[in-house]
Amino acid sequence: MRNKSIFAVTLCVMMFFLVGGCKKSEDTQMSPTGALLEYNGCKQFLQTTATEPFAPSAENDCIEFSYDGESTLTLKHINAGFNCCPGEITATIDIGSNRIIIKENENEQGCDCLCLFDVQYEIISLPPGQYTIKIIELYLDESDEPIEVEVDFRETPSGIFCFDRDHYPWSVI
């Protein structure tokens, strides 16, 4: 009886390893996830010269992106409008079928002014393809076109899209 028990346990262990056991599957695709990496601001703008490459001005609200061709997307929201004393800047990142929606927020409005910040995001485990990227901002006017772009990372792995803004905090008062 003892030999039959040992045989049964041995058979079960062998089947476990033969069927797949602890082997890591190469077909397993992790779900894409995103994170806010860093932010900096209140920005001071200096006049650019014609010899410098394109640099967004204070009247631009931009998204710059770079995709590594496999799975990592870096996004930079240039000139994001926040309170001058925002406390912590946070974001929720919703990644669904071919869409990336970033909703920006601040945890306090400690000052009586608005400033422009640069906010950097990273999304990992993102398969190559065509995506709509949308950023939901706090201080857009109803007449402002929101940041929403369609990009096929297989054809355009990096770039920048800018939207003109003509009101505070983007324009000079």
C-alpha atoms as a PDB file:
ATOM      1  CA  MET A   1       0.000   0.000   0.000  1.00  0.00           C
ATOM      2  CA  ARG A   2       2.854   2.342   0.845  1.00  0.00           C
ATOM      3  CA  ASN A   3       4.471   1.761  -2.572  1.00  0.00           C
ATOM      4  CA  LYS A   4       1.199   2.590  -4.323  1.00  0.00           C
ATOM      5  CA  SER A   5       0.981   5.888  -2.387  1.00  0.00           C
ATOM      6  CA  ILE A   6       4.558   6.810  -3.267  1.00  0.00           C
ATOM      7  CA  PHE A   7       3.887   5.884  -6.910  1.00  0.00           C
ATOM      8  CA  ALA A   8       0.713   8.033  -6.978  1.00  0.00           C
ATOM      9  CA  VAL A   9       2.500  11.040  -5.445  1.00  0.00           C
ATOM     10  CA  THR A  10       5.436  10.611  -7.838  1.00  0.00           C
ATOM     11  CA  LEU A  11       3.057  10.383 -10.792  1.00  0.00           C
ATOM     12  CA  CYS A  12       1.230  13.551  -9.680  1.00  0.00           C
ATOM     13  CA  VAL A  13       4.516  15.452  -9.305  1.00  0.00           C
ATOM     14  CA  MET A  14       5.700  14.305 -12.744  1.00  0.00           C
ATOM     15  CA  MET A  15       2.377  15.325 -14.334  1.00  0.00           C
ATOM     16  CA  PHE A  16       2.607  18.745 -12.661  1.00  0.00           C
ATOM     17  CA  PHE A  17       5.985  19.443 -14.263  1.00  0.00           C
ATOM     18  CA  LEU A  18       5.084  17.884 -17.617  1.00  0.00           C
ATOM     19  CA  VAL A  19       1.855  19.883 -17.967  1.00  0.00           C
ATOM     20  CA  GLY A  20       3.496  23.194 -17.196  1.00  0.00           C
ATOM     21  CA  GLY A  21       3.995  23.390 -13.467  1.00  0.00           C
ATOM     22  CA  CYS A  22       6.100  26.357 -12.487  1.00  0.00           C
ATOM     23  CA  LYS A  23       7.283  27.174 -15.994  1.00  0.00           C
ATOM     24  CA  LYS A  24       6.772  30.813 -16.887  1.00  0.00           C
ATOM     25  CA  SER A  25       4.532  31.140 -19.899  1.00  0.00           C
ATOM     26  CA  GLU A  26       5.892  33.322 -22.696  1.00  0.00           C
ATOM     27  CA  ASP A  27       2.345  33.973 -23.921  1.00  0.00           C
ATOM     28  CA  THR A  28       1.360  35.777 -20.738  1.00  0.00           C
ATOM     29  CA  GLN A  29       0.824  39.458 -21.530  1.00  0.00           C
ATOM     30  CA  MET A  30       0.708  41.808 -18.574  1.00  0.00           C
ATOM     31  CA  SER A  31      -1.993  44.451 -18.621  1.00  0.00           C
ATOM     32  CA  PRO A  32      -0.710  47.951 -19.357  1.00  0.00           C
ATOM     33  CA  THR A  33      -0.248  50.165 -16.313  1.00  0.00           C
ATOM     34  CA  GLY A  34       0.660  53.811 -15.994  1.00  0.00           C
ATOM     35  CA  ALA A  35       2.205  56.070 -13.404  1.00  0.00           C
ATOM     36  CA  LEU A  36       2.959  59.741 -12.889  1.00  0.00           C
ATOM     37  CA  LEU A  37       6.762  59.822 -12.587  1.00  0.00           C
ATOM     38  CA  GLU A  38       7.518  63.450 -11.812  1.00  0.00           C
ATOM     39  CA  TYR A  39       6.417  67.051 -12.222  1.00  0.00           C
ATOM     40  CA  ASN A  40       8.040  70.452 -12.019  1.00  0.00           C
ATOM     41  CA  GLY A  41       6.898  74.074 -12.225  1.00  0.00           C
ATOM     42  CA  CYS A  42       5.907  77.045 -11.766  1.00  0.00           C
ATOM     43  CA  LYS A  43       7.748  77.648 -14.991  1.00  0.00           C
ATOM     44  CA  GLN A  44       9.513  80.816 -16.058  1.00  0.00           C
ATOM     45  CA  PHE A  45       9.599  81.400 -19.798  1.00  0.00           C
ATOM     46  CA  LEU A  46      12.545  82.857 -21.619  1.00  0.00           C
ATOM     47  CA  GLN A  47      12.380  84.141 -25.177  1.00  0.00           C
ATOM     48  CA  THR A  48      13.671  81.537 -27.651  1.00  0.00           C
ATOM     49  CA  THR A  49      15.853  82.386 -30.623  1.00  0.00           C
ATOM     50  CA  ALA A  50      15.429  81.198 -34.196  1.00  0.00           C
ATOM     51  CA  THR A  51      18.479  78.912 -33.847  1.00  0.00           C
ATOM     52  CA  GLU A  52      16.840  76.791 -31.144  1.00  0.00           C
ATOM     53  CA  PRO A  53      14.712  73.762 -32.018  1.00  0.00           C
ATOM     54  CA  PHE A  54      10.961  74.024 -31.450  1.00  0.00           C
ATOM     55  CA  ALA A  55      10.227  74.774 -27.842  1.00  0.00           C
ATOM     56  CA  PRO A  56       6.647  75.223 -26.647  1.00  0.00           C
ATOM     57  CA  SER A  57       5.868  78.751 -25.556  1.00  0.00           C
ATOM     58  CA  ALA A  58       3.704  79.802 -22.637  1.00  0.00           C
ATOM     59  CA  GLU A  59       0.681  79.880 -24.986  1.00  0.00           C
ATOM     60  CA  ASN A  60       1.041  76.169 -25.850  1.00  0.00           C
ATOM     61  CA  ASP A  61      -0.383  73.187 -23.988  1.00  0.00           C
ATOM     62  CA  CYS A  62       1.478  70.151 -25.351  1.00  0.00           C
ATOM     63  CA  ILE A  63       1.871  66.417 -25.123  1.00  0.00           C
ATOM     64  CA  GLU A  64       5.212  64.929 -26.089  1.00  0.00           C
ATOM     65  CA  PHE A  65       5.535  61.162 -26.439  1.00  0.00           C
ATOM     66  CA  SER A  66       8.162  58.509 -27.025  1.00  0.00           C
ATOM     67  CA  TYR A  67       7.460  54.792 -27.528  1.00  0.00           C
ATOM     68  CA  ASP A  68      10.301  52.267 -27.327  1.00  0.00           C
ATOM     69  CA  GLY A  69       8.768  50.057 -30.063  1.00  0.00           C
ATOM     70  CA  GLU A  70       7.923  47.202 -27.708  1.00  0.00           C
ATOM     71  CA  SER A  71       6.052  48.100 -24.543  1.00  0.00           C
ATOM     72  CA  THR A  72       7.015  51.381 -22.842  1.00  0.00           C
ATOM     73  CA  LEU A  73       5.437  54.747 -23.575  1.00  0.00           C
ATOM     74  CA  THR A  74       6.771  57.933 -22.012  1.00  0.00           C
ATOM     75  CA  LEU A  75       4.419  60.935 -22.068  1.00  0.00           C
ATOM     76  CA  LYS A  76       5.201  64.482 -21.034  1.00  0.00           C
ATOM     77  CA  HIS A  77       2.397  66.997 -20.544  1.00  0.00           C
ATOM     78  CA  ILE A  78       4.127  70.302 -21.195  1.00  0.00           C
ATOM     79  CA  ASN A  79       2.554  73.432 -19.685  1.00  0.00           C
ATOM     80  CA  ALA A  80      -0.111  71.697 -17.649  1.00  0.00           C
ATOM     81  CA  GLY A  81      -2.093  74.308 -15.699  1.00  0.00           C
ATOM     82  CA  PHE A  82      -2.283  73.845 -11.921  1.00  0.00           C
ATOM     83  CA  ASN A  83      -2.618  76.018  -8.849  1.00  0.00           C
ATOM     84  CA  CYS A  84       0.715  77.651  -7.952  1.00  0.00           C
ATOM     85  CA  CYS A  85       0.592  75.779  -4.632  1.00  0.00           C
ATOM     86  CA  PRO A  86      -0.990  72.478  -5.705  1.00  0.00           C
ATOM     87  CA  GLY A  87       0.203  70.352  -2.831  1.00  0.00           C
ATOM     88  CA  GLU A  88       0.689  67.016  -4.538  1.00  0.00           C
ATOM     89  CA  ILE A  89      -0.130  66.661  -8.227  1.00  0.00           C
ATOM     90  CA  THR A  90      -1.766  63.327  -8.980  1.00  0.00           C
ATOM     91  CA  ALA A  91      -3.346  61.566 -11.930  1.00  0.00           C
ATOM     92  CA  THR A  92      -5.547  58.602 -12.667  1.00  0.00           C
ATOM     93  CA  ILE A  93      -4.552  56.716 -15.789  1.00  0.00           C
ATOM     94  CA  ASP A  94      -7.197  54.589 -17.498  1.00  0.00           C
ATOM     95  CA  ILE A  95      -5.895  52.296 -20.224  1.00  0.00           C
ATOM     96  CA  GLY A  96      -8.517  50.461 -22.264  1.00  0.00           C
ATOM     97  CA  SER A  97      -8.887  49.121 -25.756  1.00  0.00           C
ATOM     98  CA  ASN A  98      -6.698  51.460 -27.795  1.00  0.00           C
ATOM     99  CA  ARG A  99      -7.226  54.462 -25.510  1.00  0.00           C
ATOM    100  CA  ILE A 100      -5.246  56.129 -22.755  1.00  0.00           C
ATOM    101  CA  ILE A 101      -7.074  58.656 -20.591  1.00  0.00           C
ATOM    102  CA  ILE A 102      -5.157  60.675 -18.024  1.00  0.00           C
ATOM    103  CA  LYS A 103      -7.139  62.737 -15.531  1.00  0.00           C
ATOM    104  CA  GLU A 104      -4.930  65.224 -13.718  1.00  0.00           C
ATOM    105  CA  ASN A 105      -5.625  66.572 -10.257  1.00  0.00           C
ATOM    106  CA  GLU A 106      -4.115  68.553  -7.404  1.00  0.00           C
ATOM    107  CA  ASN A 107      -4.755  67.924  -3.736  1.00  0.00           C
ATOM    108  CA  GLU A 108      -5.012  71.565  -2.685  1.00  0.00           C
ATOM    109  CA  GLN A 109      -5.413  75.058  -4.073  1.00  0.00           C
ATOM    110  CA  GLY A 110      -3.125  76.797  -1.628  1.00  0.00           C
ATOM    111  CA  CYS A 111      -2.447  79.989  -3.594  1.00  0.00           C
ATOM    112  CA  ASP A 112      -4.508  82.586  -5.381  1.00  0.00           C
ATOM    113  CA  CYS A 113      -2.758  81.990  -8.721  1.00  0.00           C
ATOM    114  CA  LEU A 114      -2.221  79.429 -11.460  1.00  0.00           C
ATOM    115  CA  CYS A 115       1.079  78.210 -12.930  1.00  0.00           C
ATOM    116  CA  LEU A 116       2.338  75.966 -15.702  1.00  0.00           C
ATOM    117  CA  PHE A 117       3.999  72.651 -14.905  1.00  0.00           C
ATOM    118  CA  ASP A 118       5.570  69.812 -16.865  1.00  0.00           C
ATOM    119  CA  VAL A 119       4.251  66.391 -15.835  1.00  0.00           C
ATOM    120  CA  GLN A 120       5.872  63.136 -16.918  1.00  0.00           C
ATOM    121  CA  TYR A 121       4.090  59.788 -17.181  1.00  0.00           C
ATOM    122  CA  GLU A 122       5.184  56.267 -18.062  1.00  0.00           C
ATOM    123  CA  ILE A 123       3.015  53.446 -19.330  1.00  0.00           C
ATOM    124  CA  ILE A 124       4.441  49.936 -19.387  1.00  0.00           C
ATOM    125  CA  SER A 125       3.306  46.677 -21.008  1.00  0.00           C
ATOM    126  CA  LEU A 126       1.634  48.644 -23.809  1.00  0.00           C
ATOM    127  CA  PRO A 127       1.562  46.657 -27.057  1.00  0.00           C
ATOM    128  CA  PRO A 128       2.397  48.509 -30.282  1.00  0.00           C
ATOM    129  CA  GLY A 129      -0.623  49.878 -32.101  1.00  0.00           C
ATOM    130  CA  GLN A 130      -2.884  52.840 -32.655  1.00  0.00           C
ATOM    131  CA  TYR A 131      -4.095  54.671 -29.547  1.00  0.00           C
ATOM    132  CA  THR A 132      -6.139  57.718 -28.641  1.00  0.00           C
ATOM    133  CA  ILE A 133      -4.450  59.698 -25.868  1.00  0.00           C
ATOM    134  CA  LYS A 134      -6.603  62.133 -23.912  1.00  0.00           C
ATOM    135  CA  ILE A 135      -5.634  64.373 -21.004  1.00  0.00           C
ATOM    136  CA  ILE A 136      -8.381  65.779 -18.806  1.00  0.00           C
ATOM    137  CA  GLU A 137      -7.102  69.038 -17.365  1.00  0.00           C
ATOM    138  CA  LEU A 138      -8.343  71.176 -14.484  1.00  0.00           C
ATOM    139  CA  TYR A 139      -8.285  74.715 -15.874  1.00  0.00           C
ATOM    140  CA  LEU A 140      -9.467  74.585 -19.488  1.00  0.00           C
ATOM    141  CA  ASP A 141     -12.122  77.023 -20.660  1.00  0.00           C
ATOM    142  CA  GLU A 142     -15.219  75.585 -22.286  1.00  0.00           C
ATOM    143  CA  SER A 143     -13.969  76.929 -25.624  1.00  0.00           C
ATOM    144  CA  ASP A 144     -10.599  75.134 -25.348  1.00  0.00           C
ATOM    145  CA  GLU A 145      -9.923  72.080 -27.448  1.00  0.00           C
ATOM    146  CA  PRO A 146      -8.890  69.324 -25.034  1.00  0.00           C
ATOM    147  CA  ILE A 147      -5.661  67.420 -25.530  1.00  0.00           C
ATOM    148  CA  GLU A 148      -6.823  64.399 -27.487  1.00  0.00           C
ATOM    149  CA  VAL A 149      -4.649  62.836 -30.174  1.00  0.00           C
ATOM    150  CA  GLU A 150      -4.553  59.616 -32.182  1.00  0.00           C
ATOM    151  CA  VAL A 151      -1.149  58.048 -32.655  1.00  0.00           C
ATOM    152  CA  ASP A 152      -0.014  54.801 -34.264  1.00  0.00           C
ATOM    153  CA  PHE A 153       3.197  53.993 -32.395  1.00  0.00           C
ATOM    154  CA  ARG A 154       4.231  51.517 -35.126  1.00  0.00           C
ATOM    155  CA  GLU A 155       4.458  54.414 -37.609  1.00  0.00           C
ATOM    156  CA  THR A 156       5.216  57.352 -35.293  1.00  0.00           C
ATOM    157  CA  PRO A 157       7.182  56.271 -32.205  1.00  0.00           C
ATOM    158  CA  SER A 158       7.791  59.825 -31.006  1.00  0.00           C
ATOM    159  CA  GLY A 159       6.430  63.299 -31.491  1.00  0.00           C
ATOM    160  CA  ILE A 160       4.759  66.326 -29.989  1.00  0.00           C
ATOM    161  CA  PHE A 161       1.267  67.804 -30.336  1.00  0.00           C
ATOM    162  CA  CYS A 162       0.533  71.331 -29.129  1.00  0.00           C
ATOM    163  CA  PHE A 163      -2.728  73.176 -28.555  1.00  0.00           C
ATOM    164  CA  ASP A 164      -2.920  76.967 -28.470  1.00  0.00           C
ATOM    165  CA  ARG A 165      -4.349  78.536 -25.331  1.00  0.00           C
ATOM    166  CA  ASP A 166      -5.349  82.190 -25.099  1.00  0.00           C
ATOM    167  CA  HIS A 167      -6.288  82.542 -21.451  1.00  0.00           C
ATOM    168  CA  TYR A 168      -4.706  82.470 -18.027  1.00  0.00           C
ATOM    169  CA  PRO A 169      -2.466  80.668 -17.000  1.00  0.00           C
ATOM    170  CA  TRP A 170      -1.203  80.051 -20.557  1.00  0.00           C
ATOM    171  CA  SER A 171      -1.353  83.591 -21.879  1.00  0.00           C
ATOM    172  CA  VAL A 172       0.246  86.696 -20.460  1.00  0.00           C
ATOM    173  CA  ILE A 173      -2.214  88.779 -18.500  1.00  0.00           C
END
